[in-house]
Every structure is written in C-alpha cells, then in structure tokens.
Amino acid sequence: MVRFGPVAGGYLVGSDTSVAFPNAWTAWLTVSRGNDMIEVWHTADGGRQWTETMVHPAVAAGLGLTRVAAVGNRDAWIVAASQGLAGHVEIRVWRTSVQRPGWHAVFDGAMSATAGLAFATGSVGVLAGGSNIASGPHSASLIVTANGGDTWSSPRSPLPLLASNWSTIVMDPAIVPHTREMVVPVVMQRAFPSKTSPTKAWWRLEQSTNGGQTWHMLPHTPDAILPQQPGIIFQAWITSQNGWVVLGSDLYRTADGGHAWAASTLPAGTVVNFNRVSAAAGFLLVRQNGHAAIYRTKDAGVRWTRVL
C-alpha cells in the first residue's frame, strides 16, 4: 500500500493537488508551485522510494487547476489549465511513457472552463471540461484520443447539452480500465435564475461505449437535484456496471450500471482527490483544517481508515 513518508506536510495541501493511484503500489502526485511550475512525485514500490520531476506549464494568466491520470508505473498524463481569462482557459497536456520517458507536450488548446482527463490504456483517453454559457451551447464538451494523446478529435456526436440559457458544465471524466467505455458528469443550472426561483443544480451521468464517439444518459443519477453547483464530482468505474461517485460528503455505489445506487458517508473534510484501485479498494485525499489526510477503504467505501 502506498505510503507518503517522503512527500509529507504542505506537499499534499491545496485544491490544486492531484493524485493518481493506478494500482495499490504506484502513485503519481502533482503539486503546483506558484504560477510557473508543477512538481511531479512518483513511486512504484508502495512509497518506499520517490522520484521528483518538474513541468513548466508557461500558461497565460497564471496556473490554475491541474490533474494527473495514469495507467501504470510508466504511463501518465498531466493536464494544466490557466486561470480564467476572457471567458476561456488555456489547456496543456503532457505525457510520459515507456517509449518516451520525461514529460512531453501532447496538447495545447483552449476551453471555456477548467478540464479533467482520464485514460483507460496507454492509448485511449478523454479530455473534458468547459461551460457552455461562456462560449456558446457546444463549448462545454470533450475531445478524445486513440493514440495516447498524440492526436485529439471531437466525437461524432457531441454531448447532449441543454439550450444556451442553461449553464452546462462538463466535469472530470472516468474510463472503465482497458476498455473504450467512458463516463462524464454533466451539471446543469439556469444561467439567469429569477429572484423567486431557487438556484438549484441538476446533474446526470453520460456514458459512451465507443471511445467517446456517441453518448447516452445512465438510467438514474444519485441525488440528481443539488442545492447549488458542486465544485467537483469524482467517479471511478471497475466495469461498466460497477461504479462509484463521490459527491460532497457522500459516496454512491452502483453494481448494475446506474439503475440503483447505495450511499455511504465519507470522512469529514473536503475531498481533493479520489482514486479506486480495485472492486473493493480506493483512496481519498481529504483536506481537513488546512492539512491533508489520506484515507483507504477495503470494503467498497463502507468504512474508511486513515493511512496518513
């Protein structure tokens, strides 16, 4: 099980910290340092030894959200977004792999909001994000890759979004490991709510079984009506039937592809990152009173044990 001895204290504090656990022994950790540098920490032996590398994003308007995705000990990707500027953000993606060690840029573009990414293999990946209210009804969308990020393309059919008078935000995606099946949360909120109408948010899970080319909504969404726009929604899938969703202080689990969901309560604090490493095991990175804590579950999220 991964330990964080050499990467302690302030390294794990902050909403811009991202962790990927592709398995129980491997971890990739990114930490933003100011506006021009990302530290990347990596272990492949359960945390006994760590290596550190640097990525210099050089994005306009300062560094914003960062995310890391990985499919093993040698293949990982980092996405970095600039801080919002004129209704859009600059997005850059780097990759390291067995074939090309070190960090190499594989995407440079713009979206209307911060982005997340996920990879199922060294080839199949998705980059999602954006808000349709900033740049038109189809700007909240995603792009996909079938070659590890060397080239990216739009799907044949875009995500089904509401009209432009609704604010629709595409959040962090997830991919079923070793498949072309993808799931993304789509959050909807009236762009111009009336004074008498509560500012609520609706959300749903959209699924693709063909690498992001076409999409359909899962049968049911847990806690579909929210009192306000969520800051983030994490999710992870072991198969197309078996998925977990982290929403606020709760974890929702489905074993039948989203027809039914069971809920359990998460440890106190703000969830910064969530990873699942098997059908029953997963990790949470939680911010508690300005400090970081890592929790692990071995029973599909029913109980959580602090490990750091």
C-alpha atoms as a PDB file:
ATOM      1  CA  MET A   1       0.000   0.000   0.000  1.00  0.00           C
ATOM      2  CA  VAL A   2       1.372   3.430  -0.938  1.00  0.00           C
ATOM      3  CA  ARG A   3       2.911   5.461   1.881  1.00  0.00           C
ATOM      4  CA  PHE A   4       3.647   9.184   1.790  1.00  0.00           C
ATOM      5  CA  GLY A   5       6.625   9.465   4.113  1.00  0.00           C
ATOM      6  CA  PRO A   6       8.954  11.450   1.793  1.00  0.00           C
ATOM      7  CA  VAL A   7       6.076  13.575   0.479  1.00  0.00           C
ATOM      8  CA  ALA A   8       4.643  14.990   3.656  1.00  0.00           C
ATOM      9  CA  GLY A   9       3.049  18.094   5.125  1.00  0.00           C
ATOM     10  CA  GLY A  10       2.470  21.009   2.774  1.00  0.00           C
ATOM     11  CA  TYR A  11       3.056  18.952  -0.371  1.00  0.00           C
ATOM     12  CA  LEU A  12      -0.416  17.467  -0.022  1.00  0.00           C
ATOM     13  CA  VAL A  13      -2.332  20.592   0.960  1.00  0.00           C
ATOM     14  CA  GLY A  14      -4.408  22.522  -1.542  1.00  0.00           C
ATOM     15  CA  SER A  15      -7.205  22.048  -4.029  1.00  0.00           C
ATOM     16  CA  ASP A  16      -4.668  22.099  -6.874  1.00  0.00           C
ATOM     17  CA  THR A  17      -3.034  18.875  -5.636  1.00  0.00           C
ATOM     18  CA  SER A  18      -3.817  15.809  -7.722  1.00  0.00           C
ATOM     19  CA  VAL A  19      -3.063  12.134  -7.071  1.00  0.00           C
ATOM     20  CA  ALA A  20      -3.430   9.097  -9.338  1.00  0.00           C
ATOM     21  CA  PHE A  21      -3.261   5.544  -7.954  1.00  0.00           C
ATOM     22  CA  PRO A  22      -3.235   3.205 -10.965  1.00  0.00           C
ATOM     23  CA  ASN A  23      -2.687   0.334  -8.521  1.00  0.00           C
ATOM     24  CA  ALA A  24      -2.053  -0.178  -4.819  1.00  0.00           C
ATOM     25  CA  TRP A  25       1.741   0.225  -5.186  1.00  0.00           C
ATOM     26  CA  THR A  26       2.023   3.075  -7.672  1.00  0.00           C
ATOM     27  CA  ALA A  27       1.208   6.748  -7.150  1.00  0.00           C
ATOM     28  CA  TRP A  28       1.633   9.892  -9.211  1.00  0.00           C
ATOM     29  CA  LEU A  29       1.283  13.184  -7.331  1.00  0.00           C
ATOM     30  CA  THR A  30       1.287  16.723  -8.750  1.00  0.00           C
ATOM     31  CA  VAL A  31       1.681  19.917  -6.750  1.00  0.00           C
ATOM     32  CA  SER A  32       1.534  23.409  -8.234  1.00  0.00           C
ATOM     33  CA  ARG A  33       4.350  25.693  -7.167  1.00  0.00           C
ATOM     34  CA  GLY A  34       3.441  29.296  -7.916  1.00  0.00           C
ATOM     35  CA  ASN A  35       2.309  30.191 -11.418  1.00  0.00           C
ATOM     36  CA  ASP A  36       5.057  28.568 -13.457  1.00  0.00           C
ATOM     37  CA  MET A  37       5.951  25.114 -12.111  1.00  0.00           C
ATOM     38  CA  ILE A  38       4.369  21.743 -11.323  1.00  0.00           C
ATOM     39  CA  GLU A  39       6.235  19.268  -9.123  1.00  0.00           C
ATOM     40  CA  VAL A  40       5.569  15.622 -10.001  1.00  0.00           C
ATOM     41  CA  TRP A  41       6.246  12.909  -7.416  1.00  0.00           C
ATOM     42  CA  HIS A  42       6.187   9.231  -8.392  1.00  0.00           C
ATOM     43  CA  THR A  43       6.543   5.943  -6.528  1.00  0.00           C
ATOM     44  CA  ALA A  44       6.271   2.374  -7.807  1.00  0.00           C
ATOM     45  CA  ASP A  45       7.172   0.485  -4.621  1.00  0.00           C
ATOM     46  CA  GLY A  46       4.462   1.475  -2.184  1.00  0.00           C
ATOM     47  CA  GLY A  47       6.097   4.741  -1.179  1.00  0.00           C
ATOM     48  CA  ARG A  48       9.496   3.445  -0.078  1.00  0.00           C
ATOM     49  CA  GLN A  49      11.225   5.488  -2.766  1.00  0.00           C
ATOM     50  CA  TRP A  50      10.036   8.587  -4.600  1.00  0.00           C
ATOM     51  CA  THR A  51      11.336  10.430  -7.644  1.00  0.00           C
ATOM     52  CA  GLU A  52      10.655  14.068  -8.383  1.00  0.00           C
ATOM     53  CA  THR A  53      10.449  15.788 -11.771  1.00  0.00           C
ATOM     54  CA  MET A  54       9.359  19.257 -12.866  1.00  0.00           C
ATOM     55  CA  VAL A  55       6.935  20.507 -15.505  1.00  0.00           C
ATOM     56  CA  HIS A  56       6.942  24.177 -16.534  1.00  0.00           C
ATOM     57  CA  PRO A  57       3.477  24.917 -17.982  1.00  0.00           C
ATOM     58  CA  ALA A  58       4.114  28.503 -19.166  1.00  0.00           C
ATOM     59  CA  VAL A  59       0.366  29.125 -19.456  1.00  0.00           C
ATOM     60  CA  ALA A  60      -1.046  32.614 -19.760  1.00  0.00           C
ATOM     61  CA  ALA A  61      -2.708  34.362 -16.811  1.00  0.00           C
ATOM     62  CA  GLY A  62      -1.107  32.080 -14.244  1.00  0.00           C
ATOM     63  CA  LEU A  63      -1.513  28.406 -13.406  1.00  0.00           C
ATOM     64  CA  GLY A  64      -4.944  27.160 -12.376  1.00  0.00           C
ATOM     65  CA  LEU A  65      -6.279  23.643 -11.914  1.00  0.00           C
ATOM     66  CA  THR A  66      -4.030  20.623 -12.550  1.00  0.00           C
ATOM     67  CA  ARG A  67      -4.961  16.953 -12.873  1.00  0.00           C
ATOM     68  CA  VAL A  68      -2.907  13.768 -13.293  1.00  0.00           C
ATOM     69  CA  ALA A  69      -4.011  10.457 -14.826  1.00  0.00           C
ATOM     70  CA  ALA A  70      -2.052   7.197 -15.037  1.00  0.00           C
ATOM     71  CA  VAL A  71      -2.483   3.612 -16.200  1.00  0.00           C
ATOM     72  CA  GLY A  72       0.586   2.113 -14.575  1.00  0.00           C
ATOM     73  CA  ASN A  73       4.123   2.687 -13.406  1.00  0.00           C
ATOM     74  CA  ARG A  74       5.409   4.287 -16.621  1.00  0.00           C
ATOM     75  CA  ASP A  75       2.429   5.866 -18.421  1.00  0.00           C
ATOM     76  CA  ALA A  76       0.974   9.101 -17.049  1.00  0.00           C
ATOM     77  CA  TRP A  77      -0.528  12.379 -18.237  1.00  0.00           C
ATOM     78  CA  ILE A  78      -0.852  15.835 -16.686  1.00  0.00           C
ATOM     79  CA  VAL A  79      -3.376  18.477 -17.700  1.00  0.00           C
ATOM     80  CA  ALA A  80      -2.855  22.065 -16.567  1.00  0.00           C
ATOM     81  CA  ALA A  81      -5.246  24.956 -17.045  1.00  0.00           C
ATOM     82  CA  SER A  82      -4.559  28.643 -16.826  1.00  0.00           C
ATOM     83  CA  GLN A  83      -6.636  30.842 -14.599  1.00  0.00           C
ATOM     84  CA  GLY A  84      -9.813  32.058 -16.307  1.00  0.00           C
ATOM     85  CA  LEU A  85      -9.262  34.880 -18.795  1.00  0.00           C
ATOM     86  CA  ALA A  86     -11.853  36.425 -21.121  1.00  0.00           C
ATOM     87  CA  GLY A  87     -14.263  33.504 -20.816  1.00  0.00           C
ATOM     88  CA  HIS A  88     -11.824  30.713 -21.574  1.00  0.00           C
ATOM     89  CA  VAL A  89      -8.759  28.983 -20.198  1.00  0.00           C
ATOM     90  CA  GLU A  90      -5.615  27.737 -21.863  1.00  0.00           C
ATOM     91  CA  ILE A  91      -5.224  23.959 -21.566  1.00  0.00           C
ATOM     92  CA  ARG A  92      -1.995  21.987 -21.901  1.00  0.00           C
ATOM     93  CA  VAL A  93      -1.395  18.245 -21.579  1.00  0.00           C
ATOM     94  CA  TRP A  94       1.940  16.444 -21.044  1.00  0.00           C
ATOM     95  CA  ARG A  95       2.729  12.747 -21.262  1.00  0.00           C
ATOM     96  CA  THR A  96       5.435  10.386 -20.040  1.00  0.00           C
ATOM     97  CA  SER A  97       5.645   6.776 -21.239  1.00  0.00           C
ATOM     98  CA  VAL A  98       7.821   3.717 -21.552  1.00  0.00           C
ATOM     99  CA  GLN A  99       8.674   4.731 -25.101  1.00  0.00           C
ATOM    100  CA  ARG A 100       9.344   8.396 -24.245  1.00  0.00           C
ATOM    101  CA  PRO A 101      10.498   8.989 -20.647  1.00  0.00           C
ATOM    102  CA  GLY A 102      10.307  12.542 -19.373  1.00  0.00           C
ATOM    103  CA  TRP A 103       7.405  14.921 -19.891  1.00  0.00           C
ATOM    104  CA  HIS A 104       6.379  15.865 -23.440  1.00  0.00           C
ATOM    105  CA  ALA A 105       3.587  18.220 -24.505  1.00  0.00           C
ATOM    106  CA  VAL A 106       0.806  16.439 -26.431  1.00  0.00           C
ATOM    107  CA  PHE A 107      -1.968  19.061 -26.429  1.00  0.00           C
ATOM    108  CA  ASP A 108      -2.200  22.850 -26.381  1.00  0.00           C
ATOM    109  CA  GLY A 109      -5.593  24.480 -26.759  1.00  0.00           C
ATOM    110  CA  ALA A 110      -8.415  26.325 -25.007  1.00  0.00           C
ATOM    111  CA  MET A 111     -11.691  25.504 -23.291  1.00  0.00           C
ATOM    112  CA  SER A 112     -14.284  27.675 -21.612  1.00  0.00           C
ATOM    113  CA  ALA A 113     -13.502  26.303 -18.152  1.00  0.00           C
ATOM    114  CA  THR A 114     -11.031  24.050 -16.379  1.00  0.00           C
ATOM    115  CA  ALA A 115     -10.673  20.473 -17.568  1.00  0.00           C
ATOM    116  CA  GLY A 116     -10.121  16.927 -16.379  1.00  0.00           C
ATOM    117  CA  LEU A 117      -8.718  13.914 -18.183  1.00  0.00           C
ATOM    118  CA  ALA A 118      -8.769  10.134 -17.932  1.00  0.00           C
ATOM    119  CA  PHE A 119      -7.022   7.244 -19.671  1.00  0.00           C
ATOM    120  CA  ALA A 120      -8.016   3.588 -19.815  1.00  0.00           C
ATOM    121  CA  THR A 121      -4.884   2.313 -21.556  1.00  0.00           C
ATOM    122  CA  GLY A 122      -1.746   3.856 -22.951  1.00  0.00           C
ATOM    123  CA  SER A 123      -3.831   4.789 -25.992  1.00  0.00           C
ATOM    124  CA  VAL A 124      -7.488   5.570 -25.188  1.00  0.00           C
ATOM    125  CA  GLY A 125      -8.141   8.823 -23.340  1.00  0.00           C
ATOM    126  CA  VAL A 126     -10.582  11.694 -22.928  1.00  0.00           C
ATOM    127  CA  LEU A 127     -10.116  15.377 -22.075  1.00  0.00           C
ATOM    128  CA  ALA A 128     -13.296  17.041 -20.810  1.00  0.00           C
ATOM    129  CA  GLY A 129     -14.339  20.394 -19.449  1.00  0.00           C
ATOM    130  CA  GLY A 130     -15.943  23.685 -20.161  1.00  0.00           C
ATOM    131  CA  SER A 131     -19.052  25.722 -19.565  1.00  0.00           C
ATOM    132  CA  ASN A 132     -21.446  26.346 -22.438  1.00  0.00           C
ATOM    133  CA  ILE A 133     -22.561  29.728 -21.093  1.00  0.00           C
ATOM    134  CA  ALA A 134     -19.122  31.240 -21.757  1.00  0.00           C
ATOM    135  CA  SER A 135     -18.643  30.462 -25.430  1.00  0.00           C
ATOM    136  CA  GLY A 136     -21.862  29.048 -26.855  1.00  0.00           C
ATOM    137  CA  PRO A 137     -24.012  25.944 -26.462  1.00  0.00           C
ATOM    138  CA  HIS A 138     -21.435  23.417 -27.661  1.00  0.00           C
ATOM    139  CA  SER A 139     -18.295  24.704 -25.944  1.00  0.00           C
ATOM    140  CA  ALA A 140     -18.890  22.528 -22.866  1.00  0.00           C
ATOM    141  CA  SER A 141     -17.705  19.319 -24.407  1.00  0.00           C
ATOM    142  CA  LEU A 142     -14.764  16.993 -24.734  1.00  0.00           C
ATOM    143  CA  ILE A 143     -12.148  15.611 -27.089  1.00  0.00           C
ATOM    144  CA  VAL A 144     -10.826  12.063 -27.326  1.00  0.00           C
ATOM    145  CA  THR A 145      -7.614  10.336 -28.342  1.00  0.00           C
ATOM    146  CA  ALA A 146      -6.868   6.801 -29.508  1.00  0.00           C
ATOM    147  CA  ASN A 147      -3.074   7.118 -29.594  1.00  0.00           C
ATOM    148  CA  GLY A 148      -2.084   8.289 -26.121  1.00  0.00           C
ATOM    149  CA  GLY A 149      -2.613  11.969 -26.811  1.00  0.00           C
ATOM    150  CA  ASP A 150      -0.513  12.427 -29.950  1.00  0.00           C
ATOM    151  CA  THR A 151      -3.678  13.494 -31.780  1.00  0.00           C
ATOM    152  CA  TRP A 152      -7.105  14.548 -30.468  1.00  0.00           C
ATOM    153  CA  SER A 153     -10.503  14.756 -32.145  1.00  0.00           C
ATOM    154  CA  SER A 154     -14.097  15.680 -31.397  1.00  0.00           C
ATOM    155  CA  PRO A 155     -16.632  12.841 -31.118  1.00  0.00           C
ATOM    156  CA  ARG A 156     -19.021  12.089 -33.968  1.00  0.00           C
ATOM    157  CA  SER A 157     -21.904  13.287 -31.783  1.00  0.00           C
ATOM    158  CA  PRO A 158     -21.328  15.942 -29.089  1.00  0.00           C
ATOM    159  CA  LEU A 159     -22.553  15.518 -25.563  1.00  0.00           C
ATOM    160  CA  PRO A 160     -26.312  16.232 -25.409  1.00  0.00           C
ATOM    161  CA  LEU A 161     -26.418  19.643 -23.732  1.00  0.00           C
ATOM    162  CA  LEU A 162     -29.273  21.961 -22.853  1.00  0.00           C
ATOM    163  CA  ALA A 163     -30.029  25.262 -24.558  1.00  0.00           C
ATOM    164  CA  SER A 164     -27.728  28.212 -24.067  1.00  0.00           C
ATOM    165  CA  ASN A 165     -29.975  29.752 -21.392  1.00  0.00           C
ATOM    166  CA  TRP A 166     -28.772  26.912 -19.154  1.00  0.00           C
ATOM    167  CA  SER A 167     -25.253  26.855 -17.725  1.00  0.00           C
ATOM    168  CA  THR A 168     -23.952  23.354 -18.507  1.00  0.00           C
ATOM    169  CA  ILE A 169     -20.593  22.264 -17.119  1.00  0.00           C
ATOM    170  CA  VAL A 170     -18.761  19.071 -18.051  1.00  0.00           C
ATOM    171  CA  MET A 171     -16.716  17.745 -15.114  1.00  0.00           C
ATOM    172  CA  ASP A 172     -13.935  15.207 -14.568  1.00  0.00           C
ATOM    173  CA  PRO A 173     -14.326  12.103 -16.780  1.00  0.00           C
ATOM    174  CA  ALA A 174     -13.640   8.462 -15.967  1.00  0.00           C
ATOM    175  CA  ILE A 175     -12.906   5.441 -18.170  1.00  0.00           C
ATOM    176  CA  VAL A 176     -13.525   1.775 -17.470  1.00  0.00           C
ATOM    177  CA  PRO A 177      -9.994   0.275 -17.356  1.00  0.00           C
ATOM    178  CA  HIS A 178      -8.797  -1.460 -20.519  1.00  0.00           C
ATOM    179  CA  THR A 179     -11.952  -0.552 -22.468  1.00  0.00           C
ATOM    180  CA  ARG A 180     -13.335   2.264 -24.621  1.00  0.00           C
ATOM    181  CA  GLU A 181     -16.173   2.965 -22.166  1.00  0.00           C
ATOM    182  CA  MET A 182     -16.277   6.484 -20.706  1.00  0.00           C
ATOM    183  CA  VAL A 183     -18.486   8.306 -18.194  1.00  0.00           C
ATOM    184  CA  VAL A 184     -18.671  12.064 -17.554  1.00  0.00           C
ATOM    185  CA  PRO A 185     -20.792  14.104 -15.115  1.00  0.00           C
ATOM    186  CA  VAL A 186     -22.786  16.938 -16.719  1.00  0.00           C
ATOM    187  CA  VAL A 187     -24.086  19.626 -14.346  1.00  0.00           C
ATOM    188  CA  MET A 188     -26.902  21.968 -15.384  1.00  0.00           C
ATOM    189  CA  GLN A 189     -28.082  25.191 -13.803  1.00  0.00           C
ATOM    190  CA  ARG A 190     -30.261  28.043 -15.029  1.00  0.00           C
ATOM    191  CA  ALA A 191     -27.918  30.703 -16.328  1.00  0.00           C
ATOM    192  CA  PHE A 192     -30.174  33.558 -15.244  1.00  0.00           C
ATOM    193  CA  PRO A 193     -32.314  32.359 -12.317  1.00  0.00           C
ATOM    194  CA  SER A 194     -35.260  34.512 -11.306  1.00  0.00           C
ATOM    195  CA  LYS A 195     -35.418  36.147  -7.909  1.00  0.00           C
ATOM    196  CA  THR A 196     -38.258  33.846  -6.897  1.00  0.00           C
ATOM    197  CA  SER A 197     -36.675  30.633  -8.208  1.00  0.00           C
ATOM    198  CA  PRO A 198     -34.068  28.835  -6.054  1.00  0.00           C
ATOM    199  CA  THR A 199     -30.604  28.479  -7.555  1.00  0.00           C
ATOM    200  CA  LYS A 200     -30.504  24.708  -7.784  1.00  0.00           C
ATOM    201  CA  ALA A 201     -28.389  22.481  -9.971  1.00  0.00           C
ATOM    202  CA  TRP A 202     -29.308  19.293 -11.809  1.00  0.00           C
ATOM    203  CA  TRP A 203     -26.780  16.744 -12.937  1.00  0.00           C
ATOM    204  CA  ARG A 204     -26.556  13.465 -14.808  1.00  0.00           C
ATOM    205  CA  LEU A 205     -24.001  10.890 -15.898  1.00  0.00           C
ATOM    206  CA  GLU A 206     -23.393  10.479 -19.621  1.00  0.00           C
ATOM    207  CA  GLN A 207     -21.829   7.240 -20.876  1.00  0.00           C
ATOM    208  CA  SER A 208     -20.064   6.249 -24.079  1.00  0.00           C
ATOM    209  CA  THR A 209     -19.228   2.668 -25.050  1.00  0.00           C
ATOM    210  CA  ASN A 210     -17.235   3.563 -28.173  1.00  0.00           C
ATOM    211  CA  GLY A 211     -14.399   5.790 -27.067  1.00  0.00           C
ATOM    212  CA  GLY A 212     -16.460   8.958 -26.731  1.00  0.00           C
ATOM    213  CA  GLN A 213     -17.949   8.969 -30.215  1.00  0.00           C
ATOM    214  CA  THR A 214     -21.615   8.781 -29.078  1.00  0.00           C
ATOM    215  CA  TRP A 215     -23.290   9.257 -25.701  1.00  0.00           C
ATOM    216  CA  HIS A 216     -26.332   8.190 -23.681  1.00  0.00           C
ATOM    217  CA  MET A 217     -27.546   9.003 -20.178  1.00  0.00           C
ATOM    218  CA  LEU A 218     -27.284   6.412 -17.401  1.00  0.00           C
ATOM    219  CA  PRO A 219     -30.675   5.164 -16.149  1.00  0.00           C
ATOM    220  CA  HIS A 220     -30.578   7.040 -12.824  1.00  0.00           C
ATOM    221  CA  THR A 221     -28.438   9.693 -11.155  1.00  0.00           C
ATOM    222  CA  PRO A 222     -27.888   9.658  -7.381  1.00  0.00           C
ATOM    223  CA  ASP A 223     -29.116  12.808  -5.642  1.00  0.00           C
ATOM    224  CA  ALA A 224     -29.848  14.419  -9.002  1.00  0.00           C
ATOM    225  CA  ILE A 225     -31.118  17.779  -7.660  1.00  0.00           C
ATOM    226  CA  LEU A 226     -28.497  19.719  -5.708  1.00  0.00           C
ATOM    227  CA  PRO A 227     -28.906  22.937  -3.677  1.00  0.00           C
ATOM    228  CA  GLN A 228     -26.092  24.586  -5.649  1.00  0.00           C
ATOM    229  CA  GLN A 229     -23.436  23.994  -8.277  1.00  0.00           C
ATOM    230  CA  PRO A 230     -20.933  21.399  -6.936  1.00  0.00           C
ATOM    231  CA  GLY A 231     -17.261  22.298  -7.059  1.00  0.00           C
ATOM    232  CA  ILE A 232     -16.315  18.855  -8.303  1.00  0.00           C
ATOM    233  CA  ILE A 233     -17.739  15.373  -8.851  1.00  0.00           C
ATOM    234  CA  PHE A 234     -15.332  12.424  -8.744  1.00  0.00           C
ATOM    235  CA  GLN A 235     -16.182   8.988 -10.136  1.00  0.00           C
ATOM    236  CA  ALA A 236     -14.465   5.681 -10.901  1.00  0.00           C
ATOM    237  CA  TRP A 237     -15.580   2.509 -12.666  1.00  0.00           C
ATOM    238  CA  ILE A 238     -14.174  -1.022 -12.496  1.00  0.00           C
ATOM    239  CA  THR A 239     -16.639  -2.301 -15.109  1.00  0.00           C
ATOM    240  CA  SER A 240     -19.486  -0.633 -16.980  1.00  0.00           C
ATOM    241  CA  GLN A 241     -21.797  -1.966 -14.235  1.00  0.00           C
ATOM    242  CA  ASN A 242     -19.688  -1.287 -11.150  1.00  0.00           C
ATOM    243  CA  GLY A 243     -19.100   2.403 -10.394  1.00  0.00           C
ATOM    244  CA  TRP A 244     -18.512   4.800  -7.511  1.00  0.00           C
ATOM    245  CA  VAL A 245     -19.367   8.511  -7.402  1.00  0.00           C
ATOM    246  CA  VAL A 246     -18.035  10.992  -4.830  1.00  0.00           C
ATOM    247  CA  LEU A 247     -20.471  13.856  -4.358  1.00  0.00           C
ATOM    248  CA  GLY A 248     -19.947  16.211  -1.428  1.00  0.00           C
ATOM    249  CA  SER A 249     -19.730  14.189   1.778  1.00  0.00           C
ATOM    250  CA  ASP A 250     -21.220  11.010   0.304  1.00  0.00           C
ATOM    251  CA  LEU A 251     -20.057   8.066  -1.776  1.00  0.00           C
ATOM    252  CA  TYR A 252     -22.591   6.440  -4.093  1.00  0.00           C
ATOM    253  CA  ARG A 253     -22.138   2.908  -5.459  1.00  0.00           C
ATOM    254  CA  THR A 254     -23.855   1.066  -8.271  1.00  0.00           C
ATOM    255  CA  ALA A 255     -23.466  -2.576  -9.304  1.00  0.00           C
ATOM    256  CA  ASP A 256     -25.993  -2.547 -12.153  1.00  0.00           C
ATOM    257  CA  GLY A 257     -24.870   0.246 -14.465  1.00  0.00           C
ATOM    258  CA  GLY A 258     -26.679   3.068 -12.691  1.00  0.00           C
ATOM    259  CA  HIS A 259     -30.147   1.551 -12.195  1.00  0.00           C
ATOM    260  CA  ALA A 260     -29.754   1.522  -8.400  1.00  0.00           C
ATOM    261  CA  TRP A 261     -27.360   3.334  -6.061  1.00  0.00           C
ATOM    262  CA  ALA A 262     -26.307   2.772  -2.435  1.00  0.00           C
ATOM    263  CA  ALA A 263     -24.846   5.567  -0.314  1.00  0.00           C
ATOM    264  CA  SER A 264     -22.276   5.783   2.479  1.00  0.00           C
ATOM    265  CA  THR A 265     -20.719   8.729   4.311  1.00  0.00           C
ATOM    266  CA  LEU A 266     -17.159   9.896   3.661  1.00  0.00           C
ATOM    267  CA  PRO A 267     -14.641  11.112   6.265  1.00  0.00           C
ATOM    268  CA  ALA A 268     -15.049  14.731   7.359  1.00  0.00           C
ATOM    269  CA  GLY A 269     -13.311  17.387   5.272  1.00  0.00           C
ATOM    270  CA  THR A 270     -13.107  18.492   1.654  1.00  0.00           C
ATOM    271  CA  VAL A 271     -12.319  15.751  -0.841  1.00  0.00           C
ATOM    272  CA  VAL A 272      -9.425  16.920  -3.020  1.00  0.00           C
ATOM    273  CA  ASN A 273      -8.814  13.700  -4.939  1.00  0.00           C
ATOM    274  CA  PHE A 274     -10.313  10.234  -5.267  1.00  0.00           C
ATOM    275  CA  ASN A 275      -8.891   7.058  -6.789  1.00  0.00           C
ATOM    276  CA  ARG A 276     -10.112   3.477  -6.992  1.00  0.00           C
ATOM    277  CA  VAL A 277      -7.633   0.623  -7.391  1.00  0.00           C
ATOM    278  CA  SER A 278      -9.890  -2.463  -7.341  1.00  0.00           C
ATOM    279  CA  ALA A 279     -13.504  -3.518  -6.951  1.00  0.00           C
ATOM    280  CA  ALA A 280     -13.355  -3.006  -3.181  1.00  0.00           C
ATOM    281  CA  ALA A 281     -10.375  -0.699  -2.565  1.00  0.00           C
ATOM    282  CA  GLY A 282      -9.905   3.033  -3.038  1.00  0.00           C
ATOM    283  CA  PHE A 283      -8.156   6.132  -1.679  1.00  0.00           C
ATOM    284  CA  LEU A 284      -9.341   9.605  -0.691  1.00  0.00           C
ATOM    285  CA  LEU A 285      -7.169  12.703  -0.360  1.00  0.00           C
ATOM    286  CA  VAL A 286      -9.046  14.970   2.070  1.00  0.00           C
ATOM    287  CA  ARG A 287      -8.265  18.497   3.277  1.00  0.00           C
ATOM    288  CA  GLN A 288      -9.031  18.842   6.991  1.00  0.00           C
ATOM    289  CA  ASN A 289      -8.434  22.211   8.723  1.00  0.00           C
ATOM    290  CA  GLY A 290      -5.720  23.173   6.257  1.00  0.00           C
ATOM    291  CA  HIS A 291      -3.924  19.827   6.422  1.00  0.00           C
ATOM    292  CA  ALA A 292      -4.048  16.793   4.175  1.00  0.00           C
ATOM    293  CA  ALA A 293      -5.170  13.307   5.133  1.00  0.00           C
ATOM    294  CA  ILE A 294      -5.293  10.143   3.057  1.00  0.00           C
ATOM    295  CA  TYR A 295      -7.949   7.518   3.721  1.00  0.00           C
ATOM    296  CA  ARG A 296      -8.276   4.000   2.330  1.00  0.00           C
ATOM    297  CA  THR A 297     -11.249   1.689   2.005  1.00  0.00           C
ATOM    298  CA  LYS A 298     -11.121  -2.082   1.549  1.00  0.00           C
ATOM    299  CA  ASP A 299     -14.878  -2.729   1.605  1.00  0.00           C
ATOM    300  CA  ALA A 300     -16.199  -0.648  -1.306  1.00  0.00           C
ATOM    301  CA  GLY A 301     -16.454   2.579   0.649  1.00  0.00           C
ATOM    302  CA  VAL A 302     -18.489   1.401   3.626  1.00  0.00           C
ATOM    303  CA  ARG A 303     -15.610   2.086   6.044  1.00  0.00           C
ATOM    304  CA  TRP A 304     -12.572   4.364   5.661  1.00  0.00           C
ATOM    305  CA  THR A 305      -9.265   4.122   7.535  1.00  0.00           C
ATOM    306  CA  ARG A 306      -6.796   6.985   7.732  1.00  0.00           C
ATOM    307  CA  VAL A 307      -3.361   5.988   6.431  1.00  0.00           C
ATOM    308  CA  LEU A 308      -1.688   9.423   6.551  1.00  0.00           C
END
